[in-house]
Amino acid sequence: MKLAKYQLPSGQAGVARVEGDQLLPLDLSGGQYRSLAEILEADNPYEAAEFLSATQEHVPLGSVKLLPPIDQQEVWAAGVTYKRSKTARMEESATSASCYDRVYASPRPELFFKASPHRVSGHGQPLRIRNDSQWNVPEPELTLVLSSKLQLVGFTVGNDMSSRDIEGDNPLYLPQAKCYNQSCGLGPWITLPIGMPPRHEIGIRLVIHRGGKLIYDGRTSVDHMARTFEDLIHWLGRDNSFPTGVFLLTGTGIVPEGNFTLAVGDLVEIKIDGIGTLLNPVVQG
């Protein structure tokens, strides 16, 4: 089952089940669940969504605007969870290469705060490259949706936009390279665990278009991750709490070559098996 946030042409917003090219709105008027986040906090989100959509009529997906599937949750991210990511980070800076080499093999993962809800863009909404950076890349990542109890309640597509020159200049600049307005893409919706394929079968694809032409096409799979979901969740929850839940981007295994940087007008597509495609245009300034 897939759950989405949407907005009608009238401006009215809601939550819905996704069924093919149709949305089945959820009736939140009863007050038991007032948001997507509260449905994900239910003892059984699947049963809650089925009950809330029992008497509703379908709406064509093409007639609505999809909103980021986030309410008040924080967004965090893991780094250097794929060998390709370790190699890319080491290429950014010789002075900090040993840090990335060590963290790849260390029991403690790299975890960092990525975005608050207002910095998140949904499907079709723009993502931004910084004005003070000359080397910017998208990072396609399977994203875990966690409840306030740190239970894995869903999956979505994530784009961890990164300014590689800022990060490479000094590892202490990581927050500036990662966290800024429109720096994180999430969407197009959330797939509940029951709807996902086995982890070793989850493929990830990054496609970038420029001027109507394909300029990049890369693929990897979750099977190439050096860490498990459970390990990342365990470390994220150490001495930390998330009263409204949290999204956790799990790292990237696709990094364009060093001579590639995003440009204004590029169109970034991230496709993940079991979820769908997150599409974002690139802007600056």
C-alpha atoms as a PDB file:
ATOM      1  CA  MET A   1       0.000   0.000   0.000  1.00  0.00           C
ATOM      2  CA  LYS A   2       1.160   3.498  -0.915  1.00  0.00           C
ATOM      3  CA  LEU A   3       0.078   6.632   0.990  1.00  0.00           C
ATOM      4  CA  ALA A   4       0.346  10.146  -0.453  1.00  0.00           C
ATOM      5  CA  LYS A   5      -0.309  13.740   0.500  1.00  0.00           C
ATOM      6  CA  TYR A   6      -2.036  15.737  -2.226  1.00  0.00           C
ATOM      7  CA  GLN A   7      -3.585  19.103  -3.029  1.00  0.00           C
ATOM      8  CA  LEU A   8      -6.642  19.685  -5.229  1.00  0.00           C
ATOM      9  CA  PRO A   9      -6.839  22.611  -7.689  1.00  0.00           C
ATOM     10  CA  SER A  10      -9.106  24.300  -5.128  1.00  0.00           C
ATOM     11  CA  GLY A  11      -6.236  24.320  -2.653  1.00  0.00           C
ATOM     12  CA  GLN A  12      -7.781  21.665  -0.393  1.00  0.00           C
ATOM     13  CA  ALA A  13      -5.182  19.182   0.834  1.00  0.00           C
ATOM     14  CA  GLY A  14      -5.584  15.602   1.969  1.00  0.00           C
ATOM     15  CA  VAL A  15      -4.094  12.146   2.401  1.00  0.00           C
ATOM     16  CA  ALA A  16      -4.861   9.248   0.077  1.00  0.00           C
ATOM     17  CA  ARG A  17      -4.073   5.686  -0.883  1.00  0.00           C
ATOM     18  CA  VAL A  18      -2.415   5.362  -4.287  1.00  0.00           C
ATOM     19  CA  GLU A  19      -3.975   2.737  -6.548  1.00  0.00           C
ATOM     20  CA  GLY A  20      -2.403   2.764  -9.995  1.00  0.00           C
ATOM     21  CA  ASP A  21      -3.172   6.142 -11.578  1.00  0.00           C
ATOM     22  CA  GLN A  22      -5.897   6.887  -9.040  1.00  0.00           C
ATOM     23  CA  LEU A  23      -6.008   8.273  -5.511  1.00  0.00           C
ATOM     24  CA  LEU A  24      -8.437   6.990  -2.914  1.00  0.00           C
ATOM     25  CA  PRO A  25      -8.756   9.836  -0.366  1.00  0.00           C
ATOM     26  CA  LEU A  26      -8.770   9.007   3.333  1.00  0.00           C
ATOM     27  CA  ASP A  27     -11.571  10.382   5.483  1.00  0.00           C
ATOM     28  CA  LEU A  28      -9.852  12.192   8.369  1.00  0.00           C
ATOM     29  CA  SER A  29     -13.014  13.927   9.583  1.00  0.00           C
ATOM     30  CA  GLY A  30     -13.512  11.489  12.465  1.00  0.00           C
ATOM     31  CA  GLY A  31     -10.612  13.025  14.368  1.00  0.00           C
ATOM     32  CA  GLN A  32      -8.838   9.780  15.294  1.00  0.00           C
ATOM     33  CA  TYR A  33      -6.189  10.469  12.642  1.00  0.00           C
ATOM     34  CA  ARG A  34      -5.602  14.049  11.512  1.00  0.00           C
ATOM     35  CA  SER A  35      -2.523  13.637   9.320  1.00  0.00           C
ATOM     36  CA  LEU A  36      -0.367  11.162   7.438  1.00  0.00           C
ATOM     37  CA  ALA A  37       2.086  11.147  10.340  1.00  0.00           C
ATOM     38  CA  GLU A  38      -0.666  10.130  12.761  1.00  0.00           C
ATOM     39  CA  ILE A  39      -1.697   7.261  10.469  1.00  0.00           C
ATOM     40  CA  LEU A  40       1.915   6.087  10.457  1.00  0.00           C
ATOM     41  CA  GLU A  41       1.851   6.192  14.269  1.00  0.00           C
ATOM     42  CA  ALA A  42      -1.112   3.761  14.369  1.00  0.00           C
ATOM     43  CA  ASP A  43      -0.598   0.246  15.713  1.00  0.00           C
ATOM     44  CA  ASN A  44      -1.310  -0.970  12.175  1.00  0.00           C
ATOM     45  CA  PRO A  45      -1.045   1.814   9.542  1.00  0.00           C
ATOM     46  CA  TYR A  46      -2.243  -0.550   6.798  1.00  0.00           C
ATOM     47  CA  GLU A  47      -5.489  -1.345   8.604  1.00  0.00           C
ATOM     48  CA  ALA A  48      -5.972   2.315   9.551  1.00  0.00           C
ATOM     49  CA  ALA A  49      -5.627   3.433   5.919  1.00  0.00           C
ATOM     50  CA  GLU A  50      -7.989   0.711   4.707  1.00  0.00           C
ATOM     51  CA  PHE A  51     -10.635   1.771   7.232  1.00  0.00           C
ATOM     52  CA  LEU A  52     -10.301   5.480   6.447  1.00  0.00           C
ATOM     53  CA  SER A  53     -10.711   4.930   2.686  1.00  0.00           C
ATOM     54  CA  ALA A  54     -13.608   2.463   2.857  1.00  0.00           C
ATOM     55  CA  THR A  55     -16.337   4.872   1.687  1.00  0.00           C
ATOM     56  CA  GLN A  56     -14.347   7.252  -0.538  1.00  0.00           C
ATOM     57  CA  GLU A  57     -14.380   7.752  -4.313  1.00  0.00           C
ATOM     58  CA  HIS A  58     -11.319   7.655  -6.562  1.00  0.00           C
ATOM     59  CA  VAL A  59      -9.616  10.821  -7.817  1.00  0.00           C
ATOM     60  CA  PRO A  60      -7.383  10.783 -10.945  1.00  0.00           C
ATOM     61  CA  LEU A  61      -3.741  11.149  -9.920  1.00  0.00           C
ATOM     62  CA  GLY A  62      -3.153  13.550 -12.788  1.00  0.00           C
ATOM     63  CA  SER A  63      -5.725  16.007 -11.448  1.00  0.00           C
ATOM     64  CA  VAL A  64      -3.909  16.733  -8.167  1.00  0.00           C
ATOM     65  CA  LYS A  65      -0.592  18.121  -6.979  1.00  0.00           C
ATOM     66  CA  LEU A  66       1.488  15.708  -4.915  1.00  0.00           C
ATOM     67  CA  LEU A  67       2.910  17.200  -1.724  1.00  0.00           C
ATOM     68  CA  PRO A  68       6.000  15.996   0.162  1.00  0.00           C
ATOM     69  CA  PRO A  69       4.896  13.023   2.314  1.00  0.00           C
ATOM     70  CA  ILE A  70       6.133  14.713   5.492  1.00  0.00           C
ATOM     71  CA  ASP A  71       4.381  16.553   8.321  1.00  0.00           C
ATOM     72  CA  GLN A  72       6.504  17.649  11.304  1.00  0.00           C
ATOM     73  CA  GLN A  73       9.150  14.924  11.203  1.00  0.00           C
ATOM     74  CA  GLU A  74      12.869  15.644  11.093  1.00  0.00           C
ATOM     75  CA  VAL A  75      14.960  14.327   8.210  1.00  0.00           C
ATOM     76  CA  TRP A  76      18.312  12.677   8.926  1.00  0.00           C
ATOM     77  CA  ALA A  77      20.771  10.937   6.631  1.00  0.00           C
ATOM     78  CA  ALA A  78      23.486   8.325   6.714  1.00  0.00           C
ATOM     79  CA  GLY A  79      26.727   8.674   4.785  1.00  0.00           C
ATOM     80  CA  VAL A  80      29.354   6.310   3.384  1.00  0.00           C
ATOM     81  CA  THR A  81      27.087   3.254   3.477  1.00  0.00           C
ATOM     82  CA  TYR A  82      28.078   2.134  -0.035  1.00  0.00           C
ATOM     83  CA  LYS A  83      31.624   1.562  -1.303  1.00  0.00           C
ATOM     84  CA  ARG A  84      30.987   3.975  -4.208  1.00  0.00           C
ATOM     85  CA  SER A  85      30.100   6.695  -1.731  1.00  0.00           C
ATOM     86  CA  LYS A  86      33.275   6.053   0.251  1.00  0.00           C
ATOM     87  CA  THR A  87      35.368   6.353  -2.908  1.00  0.00           C
ATOM     88  CA  ALA A  88      33.649   9.575  -3.968  1.00  0.00           C
ATOM     89  CA  ARG A  89      34.049  11.208  -0.579  1.00  0.00           C
ATOM     90  CA  MET A  90      37.747  10.289  -0.502  1.00  0.00           C
ATOM     91  CA  GLU A  91      38.158  11.830  -3.975  1.00  0.00           C
ATOM     92  CA  GLU A  92      36.721  15.142  -2.728  1.00  0.00           C
ATOM     93  CA  SER A  93      39.578  15.831  -0.335  1.00  0.00           C
ATOM     94  CA  ALA A  94      42.923  14.177   0.290  1.00  0.00           C
ATOM     95  CA  THR A  95      43.109  15.703   3.764  1.00  0.00           C
ATOM     96  CA  SER A  96      39.868  14.069   4.940  1.00  0.00           C
ATOM     97  CA  ALA A  97      40.104  10.844   2.927  1.00  0.00           C
ATOM     98  CA  SER A  98      41.123   8.778   5.925  1.00  0.00           C
ATOM     99  CA  CYS A  99      37.994   9.904   7.822  1.00  0.00           C
ATOM    100  CA  TYR A 100      35.716   8.454   5.161  1.00  0.00           C
ATOM    101  CA  ASP A 101      37.816   5.311   4.814  1.00  0.00           C
ATOM    102  CA  ARG A 102      37.608   4.666   8.563  1.00  0.00           C
ATOM    103  CA  VAL A 103      33.888   5.395   8.961  1.00  0.00           C
ATOM    104  CA  TYR A 104      33.019   2.939   6.177  1.00  0.00           C
ATOM    105  CA  ALA A 105      34.444   0.104   8.286  1.00  0.00           C
ATOM    106  CA  SER A 106      33.657   1.520  11.732  1.00  0.00           C
ATOM    107  CA  PRO A 107      30.843   0.091  13.886  1.00  0.00           C
ATOM    108  CA  ARG A 108      29.487   3.652  14.312  1.00  0.00           C
ATOM    109  CA  PRO A 109      27.996   5.040  11.076  1.00  0.00           C
ATOM    110  CA  GLU A 110      28.046   8.612   9.853  1.00  0.00           C
ATOM    111  CA  LEU A 111      24.674  10.181  10.695  1.00  0.00           C
ATOM    112  CA  PHE A 112      23.748  13.829  10.223  1.00  0.00           C
ATOM    113  CA  PHE A 113      20.736  16.107  10.293  1.00  0.00           C
ATOM    114  CA  LYS A 114      19.544  16.757   6.741  1.00  0.00           C
ATOM    115  CA  ALA A 115      16.387  18.875   6.740  1.00  0.00           C
ATOM    116  CA  SER A 116      13.392  20.244   8.562  1.00  0.00           C
ATOM    117  CA  PRO A 117      10.031  19.983   6.736  1.00  0.00           C
ATOM    118  CA  HIS A 118      10.212  23.457   5.184  1.00  0.00           C
ATOM    119  CA  ARG A 119      13.475  22.531   3.428  1.00  0.00           C
ATOM    120  CA  VAL A 120      11.893  19.481   1.739  1.00  0.00           C
ATOM    121  CA  SER A 121      10.582  19.404  -1.841  1.00  0.00           C
ATOM    122  CA  GLY A 122       8.091  16.843  -3.104  1.00  0.00           C
ATOM    123  CA  HIS A 123       7.507  15.261  -6.499  1.00  0.00           C
ATOM    124  CA  GLY A 124       7.622  17.872  -9.265  1.00  0.00           C
ATOM    125  CA  GLN A 125       8.866  20.615  -6.950  1.00  0.00           C
ATOM    126  CA  PRO A 126      12.292  22.255  -7.457  1.00  0.00           C
ATOM    127  CA  LEU A 127      15.487  21.317  -5.673  1.00  0.00           C
ATOM    128  CA  ARG A 128      18.206  23.904  -5.263  1.00  0.00           C
ATOM    129  CA  ILE A 129      21.932  24.191  -5.859  1.00  0.00           C
ATOM    130  CA  ARG A 130      23.767  26.669  -3.639  1.00  0.00           C
ATOM    131  CA  ASN A 131      24.912  30.018  -4.987  1.00  0.00           C
ATOM    132  CA  ASP A 132      28.323  29.595  -3.337  1.00  0.00           C
ATOM    133  CA  SER A 133      29.058  26.147  -4.782  1.00  0.00           C
ATOM    134  CA  GLN A 134      30.445  25.069  -8.151  1.00  0.00           C
ATOM    135  CA  TRP A 135      30.168  21.284  -7.760  1.00  0.00           C
ATOM    136  CA  ASN A 136      26.700  19.938  -6.969  1.00  0.00           C
ATOM    137  CA  VAL A 137      25.220  16.474  -7.309  1.00  0.00           C
ATOM    138  CA  PRO A 138      22.009  14.641  -6.478  1.00  0.00           C
ATOM    139  CA  GLU A 139      22.287  11.609  -4.224  1.00  0.00           C
ATOM    140  CA  PRO A 140      19.523   9.010  -4.756  1.00  0.00           C
ATOM    141  CA  GLU A 141      18.715   7.214  -1.515  1.00  0.00           C
ATOM    142  CA  LEU A 142      16.187   4.728  -0.235  1.00  0.00           C
ATOM    143  CA  THR A 143      14.610   6.509   2.718  1.00  0.00           C
ATOM    144  CA  LEU A 144      13.245   4.849   5.841  1.00  0.00           C
ATOM    145  CA  VAL A 145      10.094   6.267   7.429  1.00  0.00           C
ATOM    146  CA  LEU A 146      10.210   5.775  11.196  1.00  0.00           C
ATOM    147  CA  SER A 147       7.548   6.336  13.841  1.00  0.00           C
ATOM    148  CA  SER A 148       8.186   8.090  17.147  1.00  0.00           C
ATOM    149  CA  LYS A 149       9.029   4.642  18.558  1.00  0.00           C
ATOM    150  CA  LEU A 150      11.627   4.226  15.786  1.00  0.00           C
ATOM    151  CA  GLN A 151       9.586   1.476  14.187  1.00  0.00           C
ATOM    152  CA  LEU A 152      10.073   1.104  10.437  1.00  0.00           C
ATOM    153  CA  VAL A 153       6.619   1.978   9.076  1.00  0.00           C
ATOM    154  CA  GLY A 154       7.371   2.879   5.456  1.00  0.00           C
ATOM    155  CA  PHE A 155       9.768   3.715   2.653  1.00  0.00           C
ATOM    156  CA  THR A 156      10.066   6.632   0.250  1.00  0.00           C
ATOM    157  CA  VAL A 157      12.491   7.999  -2.342  1.00  0.00           C
ATOM    158  CA  GLY A 158      15.033  10.543  -1.120  1.00  0.00           C
ATOM    159  CA  ASN A 159      17.378  12.981  -2.858  1.00  0.00           C
ATOM    160  CA  ASP A 160      20.219  14.168  -0.625  1.00  0.00           C
ATOM    161  CA  MET A 161      21.422  17.175  -2.628  1.00  0.00           C
ATOM    162  CA  SER A 162      25.095  17.831  -1.917  1.00  0.00           C
ATOM    163  CA  SER A 163      27.653  20.541  -2.612  1.00  0.00           C
ATOM    164  CA  ARG A 164      30.762  18.436  -3.064  1.00  0.00           C
ATOM    165  CA  ASP A 165      33.266  21.289  -3.261  1.00  0.00           C
ATOM    166  CA  ILE A 166      32.114  22.747   0.075  1.00  0.00           C
ATOM    167  CA  GLU A 167      32.169  19.346   1.752  1.00  0.00           C
ATOM    168  CA  GLY A 168      35.559  18.517   0.243  1.00  0.00           C
ATOM    169  CA  ASP A 169      37.134  21.805   1.329  1.00  0.00           C
ATOM    170  CA  ASN A 170      36.712  20.883   4.982  1.00  0.00           C
ATOM    171  CA  PRO A 171      34.671  18.059   6.586  1.00  0.00           C
ATOM    172  CA  LEU A 172      33.464  20.584   9.177  1.00  0.00           C
ATOM    173  CA  TYR A 173      31.532  22.266   6.364  1.00  0.00           C
ATOM    174  CA  LEU A 174      29.314  19.197   5.925  1.00  0.00           C
ATOM    175  CA  PRO A 175      26.177  20.881   7.393  1.00  0.00           C
ATOM    176  CA  GLN A 176      26.476  23.724   4.868  1.00  0.00           C
ATOM    177  CA  ALA A 177      27.027  21.291   2.004  1.00  0.00           C
ATOM    178  CA  LYS A 178      23.977  19.269   2.965  1.00  0.00           C
ATOM    179  CA  CYS A 179      21.383  21.414   4.749  1.00  0.00           C
ATOM    180  CA  TYR A 180      19.909  24.499   3.080  1.00  0.00           C
ATOM    181  CA  ASN A 181      16.605  25.566   1.490  1.00  0.00           C
ATOM    182  CA  GLN A 182      15.216  22.983  -0.957  1.00  0.00           C
ATOM    183  CA  SER A 183      18.152  20.658  -0.293  1.00  0.00           C
ATOM    184  CA  CYS A 184      16.112  17.487   0.198  1.00  0.00           C
ATOM    185  CA  GLY A 185      13.652  15.701  -2.045  1.00  0.00           C
ATOM    186  CA  LEU A 186      11.132  13.190  -0.664  1.00  0.00           C
ATOM    187  CA  GLY A 187       8.332  11.391  -2.469  1.00  0.00           C
ATOM    188  CA  PRO A 188       6.341  10.818  -4.462  1.00  0.00           C
ATOM    189  CA  TRP A 189       4.625   8.947  -1.615  1.00  0.00           C
ATOM    190  CA  ILE A 190       5.280   6.405   1.142  1.00  0.00           C
ATOM    191  CA  THR A 191       5.106   2.659   0.555  1.00  0.00           C
ATOM    192  CA  LEU A 192       4.218   0.627   3.635  1.00  0.00           C
ATOM    193  CA  PRO A 193       6.574  -2.300   4.365  1.00  0.00           C
ATOM    194  CA  ILE A 194       4.030  -4.874   3.217  1.00  0.00           C
ATOM    195  CA  GLY A 195       4.235  -3.392  -0.291  1.00  0.00           C
ATOM    196  CA  MET A 196       8.023  -3.527  -0.686  1.00  0.00           C
ATOM    197  CA  PRO A 197      10.030  -6.247  -2.462  1.00  0.00           C
ATOM    198  CA  PRO A 198      12.718  -8.160  -0.529  1.00  0.00           C
ATOM    199  CA  ARG A 199      15.606  -5.860   0.362  1.00  0.00           C
ATOM    200  CA  HIS A 200      18.109  -7.589  -1.909  1.00  0.00           C
ATOM    201  CA  GLU A 201      15.772  -6.984  -4.855  1.00  0.00           C
ATOM    202  CA  ILE A 202      15.319  -3.216  -4.351  1.00  0.00           C
ATOM    203  CA  GLY A 203      16.969  -1.458  -7.273  1.00  0.00           C
ATOM    204  CA  ILE A 204      17.807   2.266  -7.383  1.00  0.00           C
ATOM    205  CA  ARG A 205      18.224   4.276 -10.579  1.00  0.00           C
ATOM    206  CA  LEU A 206      19.306   7.885 -11.122  1.00  0.00           C
ATOM    207  CA  VAL A 207      18.497   9.580 -14.436  1.00  0.00           C
ATOM    208  CA  ILE A 208      19.394  13.208 -15.255  1.00  0.00           C
ATOM    209  CA  HIS A 209      18.089  15.139 -18.257  1.00  0.00           C
ATOM    210  CA  ARG A 210      19.493  18.410 -19.589  1.00  0.00           C
ATOM    211  CA  GLY A 211      17.883  20.314 -22.430  1.00  0.00           C
ATOM    212  CA  GLY A 212      15.671  17.344 -23.200  1.00  0.00           C
ATOM    213  CA  LYS A 213      18.639  14.965 -23.500  1.00  0.00           C
ATOM    214  CA  LEU A 214      19.733  12.156 -21.204  1.00  0.00           C
ATOM    215  CA  ILE A 215      23.104  13.109 -19.697  1.00  0.00           C
ATOM    216  CA  TYR A 216      23.413  10.594 -16.870  1.00  0.00           C
ATOM    217  CA  ASP A 217      22.011   7.148 -16.071  1.00  0.00           C
ATOM    218  CA  GLY A 218      23.274   5.189 -13.063  1.00  0.00           C
ATOM    219  CA  ARG A 219      22.047   2.172 -11.130  1.00  0.00           C
ATOM    220  CA  THR A 220      22.710   0.333  -7.891  1.00  0.00           C
ATOM    221  CA  SER A 221      20.762  -1.804  -5.433  1.00  0.00           C
ATOM    222  CA  VAL A 222      20.161  -1.893  -1.696  1.00  0.00           C
ATOM    223  CA  ASP A 223      21.993  -5.223  -1.707  1.00  0.00           C
ATOM    224  CA  HIS A 224      25.246  -3.240  -2.069  1.00  0.00           C
ATOM    225  CA  MET A 225      24.784  -1.417   1.244  1.00  0.00           C
ATOM    226  CA  ALA A 226      27.488  -2.098   3.801  1.00  0.00           C
ATOM    227  CA  ARG A 227      25.044  -1.600   6.692  1.00  0.00           C
ATOM    228  CA  THR A 228      21.575  -2.892   7.516  1.00  0.00           C
ATOM    229  CA  PHE A 229      18.484  -0.786   8.101  1.00  0.00           C
ATOM    230  CA  GLU A 230      18.350  -2.086  11.662  1.00  0.00           C
ATOM    231  CA  ASP A 231      21.923  -1.010  12.353  1.00  0.00           C
ATOM    232  CA  LEU A 232      21.288   2.537  11.122  1.00  0.00           C
ATOM    233  CA  ILE A 233      18.046   2.815  13.100  1.00  0.00           C
ATOM    234  CA  HIS A 234      19.797   1.551  16.230  1.00  0.00           C
ATOM    235  CA  TRP A 235      22.513   4.211  16.014  1.00  0.00           C
ATOM    236  CA  LEU A 236      20.058   6.975  15.128  1.00  0.00           C
ATOM    237  CA  GLY A 237      18.087   6.220  18.279  1.00  0.00           C
ATOM    238  CA  ARG A 238      21.080   6.241  20.622  1.00  0.00           C
ATOM    239  CA  ASP A 239      20.477   9.009  23.178  1.00  0.00           C
ATOM    240  CA  ASN A 240      18.067  10.626  20.724  1.00  0.00           C
ATOM    241  CA  SER A 241      14.297  10.885  20.431  1.00  0.00           C
ATOM    242  CA  PHE A 242      11.898  11.882  17.666  1.00  0.00           C
ATOM    243  CA  PRO A 243       8.467  12.700  19.138  1.00  0.00           C
ATOM    244  CA  THR A 244       6.880  13.173  15.702  1.00  0.00           C
ATOM    245  CA  GLY A 245       8.851  10.485  13.863  1.00  0.00           C
ATOM    246  CA  VAL A 246      11.807  10.789  11.508  1.00  0.00           C
ATOM    247  CA  PHE A 247      12.880  10.125   7.920  1.00  0.00           C
ATOM    248  CA  LEU A 248      16.293   8.488   7.482  1.00  0.00           C
ATOM    249  CA  LEU A 249      18.061   8.595   4.124  1.00  0.00           C
ATOM    250  CA  THR A 250      20.257   5.501   3.962  1.00  0.00           C
ATOM    251  CA  GLY A 251      23.153   6.690   1.790  1.00  0.00           C
ATOM    252  CA  THR A 252      23.905   6.587  -1.904  1.00  0.00           C
ATOM    253  CA  GLY A 253      25.580   4.045  -4.141  1.00  0.00           C
ATOM    254  CA  ILE A 254      25.342   6.266  -7.238  1.00  0.00           C
ATOM    255  CA  VAL A 255      27.717   9.209  -7.574  1.00  0.00           C
ATOM    256  CA  PRO A 256      28.380  10.835 -10.990  1.00  0.00           C
ATOM    257  CA  GLU A 257      32.020  11.143 -12.032  1.00  0.00           C
ATOM    258  CA  GLY A 258      34.087  14.036 -10.719  1.00  0.00           C
ATOM    259  CA  ASN A 259      33.677  16.240 -13.794  1.00  0.00           C
ATOM    260  CA  PHE A 260      29.868  16.285 -13.465  1.00  0.00           C
ATOM    261  CA  THR A 261      27.883  19.019 -11.758  1.00  0.00           C
ATOM    262  CA  LEU A 262      24.195  19.867 -11.849  1.00  0.00           C
ATOM    263  CA  ALA A 263      23.023  22.897 -13.817  1.00  0.00           C
ATOM    264  CA  VAL A 264      19.944  25.082 -13.588  1.00  0.00           C
ATOM    265  CA  GLY A 265      17.134  23.475 -15.574  1.00  0.00           C
ATOM    266  CA  ASP A 266      18.337  19.888 -15.140  1.00  0.00           C
ATOM    267  CA  LEU A 267      15.621  17.339 -14.455  1.00  0.00           C
ATOM    268  CA  VAL A 268      16.508  14.686 -11.852  1.00  0.00           C
ATOM    269  CA  GLU A 269      14.624  11.377 -11.724  1.00  0.00           C
ATOM    270  CA  ILE A 270      15.153   8.820  -8.977  1.00  0.00           C
ATOM    271  CA  LYS A 271      13.419   5.483  -9.375  1.00  0.00           C
ATOM    272  CA  ILE A 272      13.280   2.897  -6.576  1.00  0.00           C
ATOM    273  CA  ASP A 273      11.612  -0.492  -6.872  1.00  0.00           C
ATOM    274  CA  GLY A 274       8.497  -0.850  -4.765  1.00  0.00           C
ATOM    275  CA  ILE A 275       8.006   2.906  -4.437  1.00  0.00           C
ATOM    276  CA  GLY A 276       8.073   4.786  -7.740  1.00  0.00           C
ATOM    277  CA  THR A 277       9.766   7.832  -9.281  1.00  0.00           C
ATOM    278  CA  LEU A 278      10.683  11.128  -7.654  1.00  0.00           C
ATOM    279  CA  LEU A 279      11.088  13.884 -10.255  1.00  0.00           C
ATOM    280  CA  ASN A 280      12.577  17.316  -9.460  1.00  0.00           C
ATOM    281  CA  PRO A 281      13.784  20.226 -11.604  1.00  0.00           C
ATOM    282  CA  VAL A 282      16.948  22.035 -10.488  1.00  0.00           C
ATOM    283  CA  VAL A 283      17.022  25.754  -9.647  1.00  0.00           C
ATOM    284  CA  GLN A 284      19.525  28.203  -8.141  1.00  0.00           C
ATOM    285  CA  GLY A 285      19.348  31.503  -6.326  1.00  0.00           C
END
